[in-house]
């Protein structure tokens, strides 16, 4: 998974250490936070909402505090299928 969309103006400084942390909020929610340079963050939440014993509805909101001029669809396109 790339760290930035291709259309992003952001580039990591030489030697920047990427931090990604995954949190579970049991029983139905998990978040992945990606820490970028200059205190920028990208947070992806996966929230499951059971509908029945065989059906679950998934929600996956994505939030960021950088590149707000870039269309959100570009950010979604960078994320792997299944997030």
PDB file of N, CA and C in Angstrom:
ATOM      1  N   UNK A   1       0.849  -1.164   0.000  1.00  0.00           N
ATOM      2  CA  UNK A   1       0.000   0.000   0.000  1.00  0.00           C
ATOM      3  C   UNK A   1       0.895   1.227   0.000  1.00  0.00           C
ATOM      4  N   UNK A   2       0.666   2.132  -0.929  1.00  0.00           N
ATOM      5  CA  UNK A   2       1.436   3.362  -0.988  1.00  0.00           C
ATOM      6  C   UNK A   2       1.119   4.278   0.183  1.00  0.00           C
ATOM      7  N   UNK A   3       2.039   5.158   0.495  1.00  0.00           N
ATOM      8  CA  UNK A   3       1.818   6.083   1.595  1.00  0.00           C
ATOM      9  C   UNK A   3       1.056   7.324   1.170  1.00  0.00           C
ATOM     10  N   UNK A   4       1.171   7.729  -0.093  1.00  0.00           N
ATOM     11  CA  UNK A   4       0.492   8.916  -0.594  1.00  0.00           C
ATOM     12  C   UNK A   4      -0.188   8.591  -1.918  1.00  0.00           C
ATOM     13  N   UNK A   5      -1.325   9.253  -2.220  1.00  0.00           N
ATOM     14  CA  UNK A   5      -1.890   9.133  -3.563  1.00  0.00           C
ATOM     15  C   UNK A   5      -0.908   9.743  -4.573  1.00  0.00           C
ATOM     16  N   UNK A   6      -0.937   9.279  -5.794  1.00  0.00           N
ATOM     17  CA  UNK A   6      -0.025   9.788  -6.823  1.00  0.00           C
ATOM     18  C   UNK A   6      -0.201  11.286  -7.034  1.00  0.00           C
ATOM     19  N   UNK A   7      -1.421  11.804  -6.820  1.00  0.00           N
ATOM     20  CA  UNK A   7      -1.694  13.224  -7.041  1.00  0.00           C
ATOM     21  C   UNK A   7      -1.254  14.104  -5.876  1.00  0.00           C
ATOM     22  N   UNK A   8      -0.781  13.512  -4.797  1.00  0.00           N
ATOM     23  CA  UNK A   8      -0.410  14.267  -3.596  1.00  0.00           C
ATOM     24  C   UNK A   8       0.883  15.046  -3.803  1.00  0.00           C
ATOM     25  N   UNK A   9       0.939  16.226  -3.191  1.00  0.00           N
ATOM     26  CA  UNK A   9       2.162  17.024  -3.204  1.00  0.00           C
ATOM     27  C   UNK A   9       3.107  16.621  -2.073  1.00  0.00           C
ATOM     28  N   UNK A  10       2.618  15.821  -1.135  1.00  0.00           N
ATOM     29  CA  UNK A  10       3.427  15.397   0.011  1.00  0.00           C
ATOM     30  C   UNK A  10       4.483  14.383  -0.412  1.00  0.00           C
ATOM     31  N   UNK A  11       5.657  14.504   0.168  1.00  0.00           N
ATOM     32  CA  UNK A  11       6.709  13.498   0.043  1.00  0.00           C
ATOM     33  C   UNK A  11       7.390  13.409   1.403  1.00  0.00           C
ATOM     34  N   UNK A  12       7.727  12.220   1.805  1.00  0.00           N
ATOM     35  CA  UNK A  12       8.374  12.035   3.107  1.00  0.00           C
ATOM     36  C   UNK A  12       9.822  12.507   3.041  1.00  0.00           C
ATOM     37  N   UNK A  13      10.290  13.170   4.100  1.00  0.00           N
ATOM     38  CA  UNK A  13      11.702  13.556   4.137  1.00  0.00           C
ATOM     39  C   UNK A  13      12.597  12.317   4.187  1.00  0.00           C
ATOM     40  N   UNK A  14      13.800  12.468   3.705  1.00  0.00           N
ATOM     41  CA  UNK A  14      14.768  11.364   3.728  1.00  0.00           C
ATOM     42  C   UNK A  14      14.894  10.828   5.149  1.00  0.00           C
ATOM     43  N   UNK A  15      14.794   9.508   5.303  1.00  0.00           N
ATOM     44  CA  UNK A  15      14.955   8.870   6.604  1.00  0.00           C
ATOM     45  C   UNK A  15      13.722   8.887   7.499  1.00  0.00           C
ATOM     46  N   UNK A  16      12.601   9.402   6.994  1.00  0.00           N
ATOM     47  CA  UNK A  16      11.388   9.443   7.821  1.00  0.00           C
ATOM     48  C   UNK A  16      10.945   8.025   8.177  1.00  0.00           C
ATOM     49  N   UNK A  17      10.630   7.798   9.442  1.00  0.00           N
ATOM     50  CA  UNK A  17      10.162   6.491   9.913  1.00  0.00           C
ATOM     51  C   UNK A  17       8.636   6.485   9.910  1.00  0.00           C
ATOM     52  N   UNK A  18       8.041   5.651   9.072  1.00  0.00           N
ATOM     53  CA  UNK A  18       6.586   5.553   9.000  1.00  0.00           C
ATOM     54  C   UNK A  18       6.064   4.787  10.200  1.00  0.00           C
ATOM     55  N   UNK A  19       4.982   5.282  10.764  1.00  0.00           N
ATOM     56  CA  UNK A  19       4.327   4.604  11.878  1.00  0.00           C
ATOM     57  C   UNK A  19       2.892   4.328  11.475  1.00  0.00           C
ATOM     58  N   UNK A  20       2.503   3.096  11.613  1.00  0.00           N
ATOM     59  CA  UNK A  20       1.106   2.685  11.398  1.00  0.00           C
ATOM     60  C   UNK A  20       0.703   1.914  12.631  1.00  0.00           C
ATOM     61  N   UNK A  21      -0.444   2.265  13.190  1.00  0.00           N
ATOM     62  CA  UNK A  21      -0.904   1.461  14.316  1.00  0.00           C
ATOM     63  C   UNK A  21      -2.365   1.089  14.128  1.00  0.00           C
ATOM     64  N   UNK A  22      -2.645  -0.111  14.570  1.00  0.00           N
ATOM     65  CA  UNK A  22      -3.942  -0.747  14.389  1.00  0.00           C
ATOM     66  C   UNK A  22      -4.553  -0.921  15.769  1.00  0.00           C
ATOM     67  N   UNK A  23      -5.786  -0.487  15.928  1.00  0.00           N
ATOM     68  CA  UNK A  23      -6.477  -0.616  17.210  1.00  0.00           C
ATOM     69  C   UNK A  23      -7.784  -1.379  17.018  1.00  0.00           C
ATOM     70  N   UNK A  24      -8.049  -2.264  17.933  1.00  0.00           N
ATOM     71  CA  UNK A  24      -9.311  -3.008  17.938  1.00  0.00           C
ATOM     72  C   UNK A  24     -10.212  -2.409  19.008  1.00  0.00           C
ATOM     73  N   UNK A  25     -11.444  -2.155  18.638  1.00  0.00           N
ATOM     74  CA  UNK A  25     -12.460  -1.670  19.570  1.00  0.00           C
ATOM     75  C   UNK A  25     -13.562  -2.727  19.544  1.00  0.00           C
ATOM     76  N   UNK A  26     -13.370  -3.748  20.346  1.00  0.00           N
ATOM     77  CA  UNK A  26     -14.239  -4.921  20.292  1.00  0.00           C
ATOM     78  C   UNK A  26     -15.661  -4.580  20.718  1.00  0.00           C
ATOM     79  N   UNK A  27     -16.653  -5.243  20.125  1.00  0.00           N
ATOM     80  CA  UNK A  27     -16.492  -6.407  19.257  1.00  0.00           C
ATOM     81  C   UNK A  27     -16.520  -6.106  17.763  1.00  0.00           C
ATOM     82  N   UNK A  28     -16.833  -4.885  17.326  1.00  0.00           N
ATOM     83  CA  UNK A  28     -17.143  -4.697  15.910  1.00  0.00           C
ATOM     84  C   UNK A  28     -16.330  -3.643  15.162  1.00  0.00           C
ATOM     85  N   UNK A  29     -15.346  -3.011  15.778  1.00  0.00           N
ATOM     86  CA  UNK A  29     -14.680  -1.886  15.122  1.00  0.00           C
ATOM     87  C   UNK A  29     -13.159  -1.990  15.248  1.00  0.00           C
ATOM     88  N   UNK A  30     -12.473  -1.590  14.181  1.00  0.00           N
ATOM     89  CA  UNK A  30     -11.011  -1.511  14.183  1.00  0.00           C
ATOM     90  C   UNK A  30     -10.607  -0.246  13.433  1.00  0.00           C
ATOM     91  N   UNK A  31      -9.491   0.355  13.843  1.00  0.00           N
ATOM     92  CA  UNK A  31      -8.979   1.528  13.139  1.00  0.00           C
ATOM     93  C   UNK A  31      -7.502   1.330  12.817  1.00  0.00           C
ATOM     94  N   UNK A  32      -7.117   1.847  11.664  1.00  0.00           N
ATOM     95  CA  UNK A  32      -5.717   1.902  11.258  1.00  0.00           C
ATOM     96  C   UNK A  32      -5.362   3.375  11.148  1.00  0.00           C
ATOM     97  N   UNK A  33      -4.360   3.810  11.896  1.00  0.00           N
ATOM     98  CA  UNK A  33      -3.877   5.190  11.822  1.00  0.00           C
ATOM     99  C   UNK A  33      -2.492   5.174  11.200  1.00  0.00           C
ATOM    100  N   UNK A  34      -2.325   5.972  10.154  1.00  0.00           N
ATOM    101  CA  UNK A  34      -1.034   6.107   9.491  1.00  0.00           C
ATOM    102  C   UNK A  34      -0.514   7.500   9.811  1.00  0.00           C
ATOM    103  N   UNK A  35       0.656   7.556  10.435  1.00  0.00           N
ATOM    104  CA  UNK A  35       1.269   8.821  10.833  1.00  0.00           C
ATOM    105  C   UNK A  35       2.204   9.283   9.720  1.00  0.00           C
ATOM    106  N   UNK A  36       1.960  10.488   9.223  1.00  0.00           N
ATOM    107  CA  UNK A  36       2.734  11.091   8.150  1.00  0.00           C
ATOM    108  C   UNK A  36       3.636  12.185   8.724  1.00  0.00           C
ATOM    109  N   UNK A  37       4.566  12.699   7.925  1.00  0.00           N
ATOM    110  CA  UNK A  37       5.382  13.830   8.382  1.00  0.00           C
ATOM    111  C   UNK A  37       4.497  15.030   8.747  1.00  0.00           C
ATOM    112  N   UNK A  38       5.028  15.919   9.561  1.00  0.00           N
ATOM    113  CA  UNK A  38       4.366  17.178   9.946  1.00  0.00           C
ATOM    114  C   UNK A  38       3.038  16.936  10.659  1.00  0.00           C
ATOM    115  N   UNK A  39       2.973  15.901  11.478  1.00  0.00           N
ATOM    116  CA  UNK A  39       1.777  15.576  12.269  1.00  0.00           C
ATOM    117  C   UNK A  39       0.535  15.291  11.429  1.00  0.00           C
ATOM    118  N   UNK A  40       0.711  14.960  10.170  1.00  0.00           N
ATOM    119  CA  UNK A  40      -0.428  14.578   9.336  1.00  0.00           C
ATOM    120  C   UNK A  40      -0.843  13.152   9.679  1.00  0.00           C
ATOM    121  N   UNK A  41      -2.133  12.879   9.568  1.00  0.00           N
ATOM    122  CA  UNK A  41      -2.680  11.562   9.900  1.00  0.00           C
ATOM    123  C   UNK A  41      -3.712  11.144   8.855  1.00  0.00           C
ATOM    124  N   UNK A  42      -3.755   9.851   8.616  1.00  0.00           N
ATOM    125  CA  UNK A  42      -4.818   9.227   7.831  1.00  0.00           C
ATOM    126  C   UNK A  42      -5.371   8.121   8.711  1.00  0.00           C
ATOM    127  N   UNK A  43      -6.675   8.140   8.936  1.00  0.00           N
ATOM    128  CA  UNK A  43      -7.308   7.141   9.795  1.00  0.00           C
ATOM    129  C   UNK A  43      -8.382   6.424   8.992  1.00  0.00           C
ATOM    130  N   UNK A  44      -8.313   5.099   9.007  1.00  0.00           N
ATOM    131  CA  UNK A  44      -9.299   4.257   8.330  1.00  0.00           C
ATOM    132  C   UNK A  44      -9.986   3.430   9.402  1.00  0.00           C
ATOM    133  N   UNK A  45     -11.296   3.534   9.464  1.00  0.00           N
ATOM    134  CA  UNK A  45     -12.059   2.754  10.439  1.00  0.00           C
ATOM    135  C   UNK A  45     -12.857   1.689   9.695  1.00  0.00           C
ATOM    136  N   UNK A  46     -12.832   0.489  10.203  1.00  0.00           N
ATOM    137  CA  UNK A  46     -13.704  -0.582   9.713  1.00  0.00           C
ATOM    138  C   UNK A  46     -14.681  -0.893  10.828  1.00  0.00           C
ATOM    139  N   UNK A  47     -15.958  -0.716  10.541  1.00  0.00           N
ATOM    140  CA  UNK A  47     -16.989  -0.975  11.544  1.00  0.00           C
ATOM    141  C   UNK A  47     -17.989  -1.970  10.972  1.00  0.00           C
ATOM    142  N   UNK A  48     -18.170  -3.068  11.675  1.00  0.00           N
ATOM    143  CA  UNK A  48     -19.120  -4.102  11.253  1.00  0.00           C
ATOM    144  C   UNK A  48     -20.431  -3.894  11.994  1.00  0.00           C
ATOM    145  N   UNK A  49     -21.516  -4.027  11.260  1.00  0.00           N
ATOM    146  CA  UNK A  49     -22.845  -3.903  11.852  1.00  0.00           C
ATOM    147  C   UNK A  49     -23.635  -5.158  11.487  1.00  0.00           C
ATOM    148  N   UNK A  50     -23.728  -6.112  12.414  1.00  0.00           N
ATOM    149  CA  UNK A  50     -24.464  -7.344  12.108  1.00  0.00           C
ATOM    150  C   UNK A  50     -25.924  -7.039  11.779  1.00  0.00           C
ATOM    151  N   UNK A  51     -26.383  -7.620  10.687  1.00  0.00           N
ATOM    152  CA  UNK A  51     -27.768  -7.455  10.255  1.00  0.00           C
ATOM    153  C   UNK A  51     -28.562  -8.699  10.610  1.00  0.00           C
ATOM    154  N   UNK A  52     -27.940  -9.851  10.428  1.00  0.00           N
ATOM    155  CA  UNK A  52     -28.569 -11.130  10.761  1.00  0.00           C
ATOM    156  C   UNK A  52     -27.444 -12.124  11.062  1.00  0.00           C
ATOM    157  N   UNK A  53     -27.804 -13.377  11.259  1.00  0.00           N
ATOM    158  CA  UNK A  53     -26.780 -14.388  11.550  1.00  0.00           C
ATOM    159  C   UNK A  53     -25.864 -14.648  10.358  1.00  0.00           C
ATOM    160  N   UNK A  54     -26.271 -14.258   9.155  1.00  0.00           N
ATOM    161  CA  UNK A  54     -25.467 -14.507   7.955  1.00  0.00           C
ATOM    162  C   UNK A  54     -25.070 -13.240   7.196  1.00  0.00           C
ATOM    163  N   UNK A  55     -25.537 -12.100   7.635  1.00  0.00           N
ATOM    164  CA  UNK A  55     -25.281 -10.856   6.907  1.00  0.00           C
ATOM    165  C   UNK A  55     -24.700  -9.809   7.861  1.00  0.00           C
ATOM    166  N   UNK A  56     -23.621  -9.174   7.409  1.00  0.00           N
ATOM    167  CA  UNK A  56     -23.009  -8.081   8.165  1.00  0.00           C
ATOM    168  C   UNK A  56     -22.795  -6.909   7.220  1.00  0.00           C
ATOM    169  N   UNK A  57     -23.164  -5.735   7.660  1.00  0.00           N
ATOM    170  CA  UNK A  57     -22.946  -4.517   6.886  1.00  0.00           C
ATOM    171  C   UNK A  57     -21.629  -3.907   7.370  1.00  0.00           C
ATOM    172  N   UNK A  58     -20.760  -3.536   6.418  1.00  0.00           N
ATOM    173  CA  UNK A  58     -19.464  -2.937   6.762  1.00  0.00           C
ATOM    174  C   UNK A  58     -19.455  -1.453   6.408  1.00  0.00           C
ATOM    175  N   UNK A  59     -18.899  -0.671   7.301  1.00  0.00           N
ATOM    176  CA  UNK A  59     -18.688   0.752   7.063  1.00  0.00           C
ATOM    177  C   UNK A  59     -17.188   0.995   7.153  1.00  0.00           C
ATOM    178  N   UNK A  60     -16.654   1.823   6.261  1.00  0.00           N
ATOM    179  CA  UNK A  60     -15.213   2.086   6.268  1.00  0.00           C
ATOM    180  C   UNK A  60     -14.943   3.572   6.031  1.00  0.00           C
ATOM    181  N   UNK A  61     -15.245   4.421   7.018  1.00  0.00           N
ATOM    182  CA  UNK A  61     -14.931   5.846   6.842  1.00  0.00           C
ATOM    183  C   UNK A  61     -13.422   6.074   6.858  1.00  0.00           C
ATOM    184  N   UNK A  62     -12.984   7.053   6.070  1.00  0.00           N
ATOM    185  CA  UNK A  62     -11.578   7.422   5.984  1.00  0.00           C
ATOM    186  C   UNK A  62     -11.478   8.917   6.271  1.00  0.00           C
ATOM    187  N   UNK A  63     -10.573   9.292   7.176  1.00  0.00           N
ATOM    188  CA  UNK A  63     -10.387  10.705   7.520  1.00  0.00           C
ATOM    189  C   UNK A  63      -8.910  11.063   7.399  1.00  0.00           C
ATOM    190  N   UNK A  64      -8.649  12.310   7.037  1.00  0.00           N
ATOM    191  CA  UNK A  64      -7.266  12.793   6.926  1.00  0.00           C
ATOM    192  C   UNK A  64      -7.225  14.265   7.312  1.00  0.00           C
ATOM    193  N   UNK A  65      -6.061  14.723   7.714  1.00  0.00           N
ATOM    194  CA  UNK A  65      -5.903  16.133   8.053  1.00  0.00           C
ATOM    195  C   UNK A  65      -4.841  16.800   7.168  1.00  0.00           C
ATOM    196  N   UNK A  66      -4.672  16.316   5.946  1.00  0.00           N
ATOM    197  CA  UNK A  66      -3.703  16.876   5.001  1.00  0.00           C
ATOM    198  C   UNK A  66      -4.255  16.739   3.596  1.00  0.00           C
ATOM    199  N   UNK A  67      -3.656  17.458   2.655  1.00  0.00           N
ATOM    200  CA  UNK A  67      -4.052  17.394   1.234  1.00  0.00           C
ATOM    201  C   UNK A  67      -5.556  17.554   1.058  1.00  0.00           C
ATOM    202  N   UNK A  68      -6.134  18.499   1.771  1.00  0.00           N
ATOM    203  CA  UNK A  68      -7.588  18.660   1.719  1.00  0.00           C
ATOM    204  C   UNK A  68      -8.071  19.167   0.364  1.00  0.00           C
ATOM    205  N   UNK A  69      -7.153  19.655  -0.475  1.00  0.00           N
ATOM    206  CA  UNK A  69      -7.518  20.091  -1.825  1.00  0.00           C
ATOM    207  C   UNK A  69      -7.617  18.910  -2.807  1.00  0.00           C
ATOM    208  N   UNK A  70      -7.094  17.746  -2.423  1.00  0.00           N
ATOM    209  CA  UNK A  70      -7.134  16.555  -3.286  1.00  0.00           C
ATOM    210  C   UNK A  70      -8.483  15.868  -3.104  1.00  0.00           C
ATOM    211  N   UNK A  71      -9.173  15.526  -4.196  1.00  0.00           N
ATOM    212  CA  UNK A  71     -10.470  14.854  -4.068  1.00  0.00           C
ATOM    213  C   UNK A  71     -10.354  13.561  -3.257  1.00  0.00           C
ATOM    214  N   UNK A  72     -11.341  13.321  -2.423  1.00  0.00           N
ATOM    215  CA  UNK A  72     -11.329  12.148  -1.547  1.00  0.00           C
ATOM    216  C   UNK A  72     -11.297  10.847  -2.356  1.00  0.00           C
ATOM    217  N   UNK A  73     -11.817  10.861  -3.567  1.00  0.00           N
ATOM    218  CA  UNK A  73     -11.788   9.659  -4.407  1.00  0.00           C
ATOM    219  C   UNK A  73     -10.356   9.213  -4.692  1.00  0.00           C
ATOM    220  N   UNK A  74      -9.425  10.168  -4.787  1.00  0.00           N
ATOM    221  CA  UNK A  74      -8.018   9.814  -5.002  1.00  0.00           C
ATOM    222  C   UNK A  74      -7.454   9.064  -3.799  1.00  0.00           C
ATOM    223  N   UNK A  75      -7.870   9.464  -2.599  1.00  0.00           N
ATOM    224  CA  UNK A  75      -7.428   8.772  -1.386  1.00  0.00           C
ATOM    225  C   UNK A  75      -8.015   7.368  -1.358  1.00  0.00           C
ATOM    226  N   UNK A  76      -9.285   7.238  -1.687  1.00  0.00           N
ATOM    227  CA  UNK A  76      -9.931   5.923  -1.704  1.00  0.00           C
ATOM    228  C   UNK A  76      -9.255   5.004  -2.716  1.00  0.00           C
ATOM    229  N   UNK A  77      -8.837   5.544  -3.849  1.00  0.00           N
ATOM    230  CA  UNK A  77      -8.217   4.731  -4.900  1.00  0.00           C
ATOM    231  C   UNK A  77      -6.884   4.139  -4.449  1.00  0.00           C
ATOM    232  N   UNK A  78      -6.194   4.770  -3.499  1.00  0.00           N
ATOM    233  CA  UNK A  78      -4.904   4.277  -3.012  1.00  0.00           C
ATOM    234  C   UNK A  78      -5.092   3.107  -2.064  1.00  0.00           C
ATOM    235  N   UNK A  79      -6.228   3.041  -1.387  1.00  0.00           N
ATOM    236  CA  UNK A  79      -6.456   2.011  -0.378  1.00  0.00           C
ATOM    237  C   UNK A  79      -6.668   0.654  -1.044  1.00  0.00           C
ATOM    238  N   UNK A  80      -6.090  -0.403  -0.475  1.00  0.00           N
ATOM    239  CA  UNK A  80      -6.283  -1.736  -1.050  1.00  0.00           C
ATOM    240  C   UNK A  80      -7.733  -2.187  -0.937  1.00  0.00           C
ATOM    241  N   UNK A  81      -8.151  -3.026  -1.845  1.00  0.00           N
ATOM    242  CA  UNK A  81      -9.500  -3.597  -1.766  1.00  0.00           C
ATOM    243  C   UNK A  81      -9.628  -4.357  -0.461  1.00  0.00           C
ATOM    244  N   UNK A  82     -10.761  -4.225   0.170  1.00  0.00           N
ATOM    245  CA  UNK A  82     -10.992  -4.947   1.412  1.00  0.00           C
ATOM    246  C   UNK A  82     -10.797  -4.106   2.647  1.00  0.00           C
ATOM    247  N   UNK A  83     -10.241  -2.909   2.493  1.00  0.00           N
ATOM    248  CA  UNK A  83     -10.146  -2.034   3.680  1.00  0.00           C
ATOM    249  C   UNK A  83     -11.461  -1.331   3.818  1.00  0.00           C
TER     250      UNK A  83
END
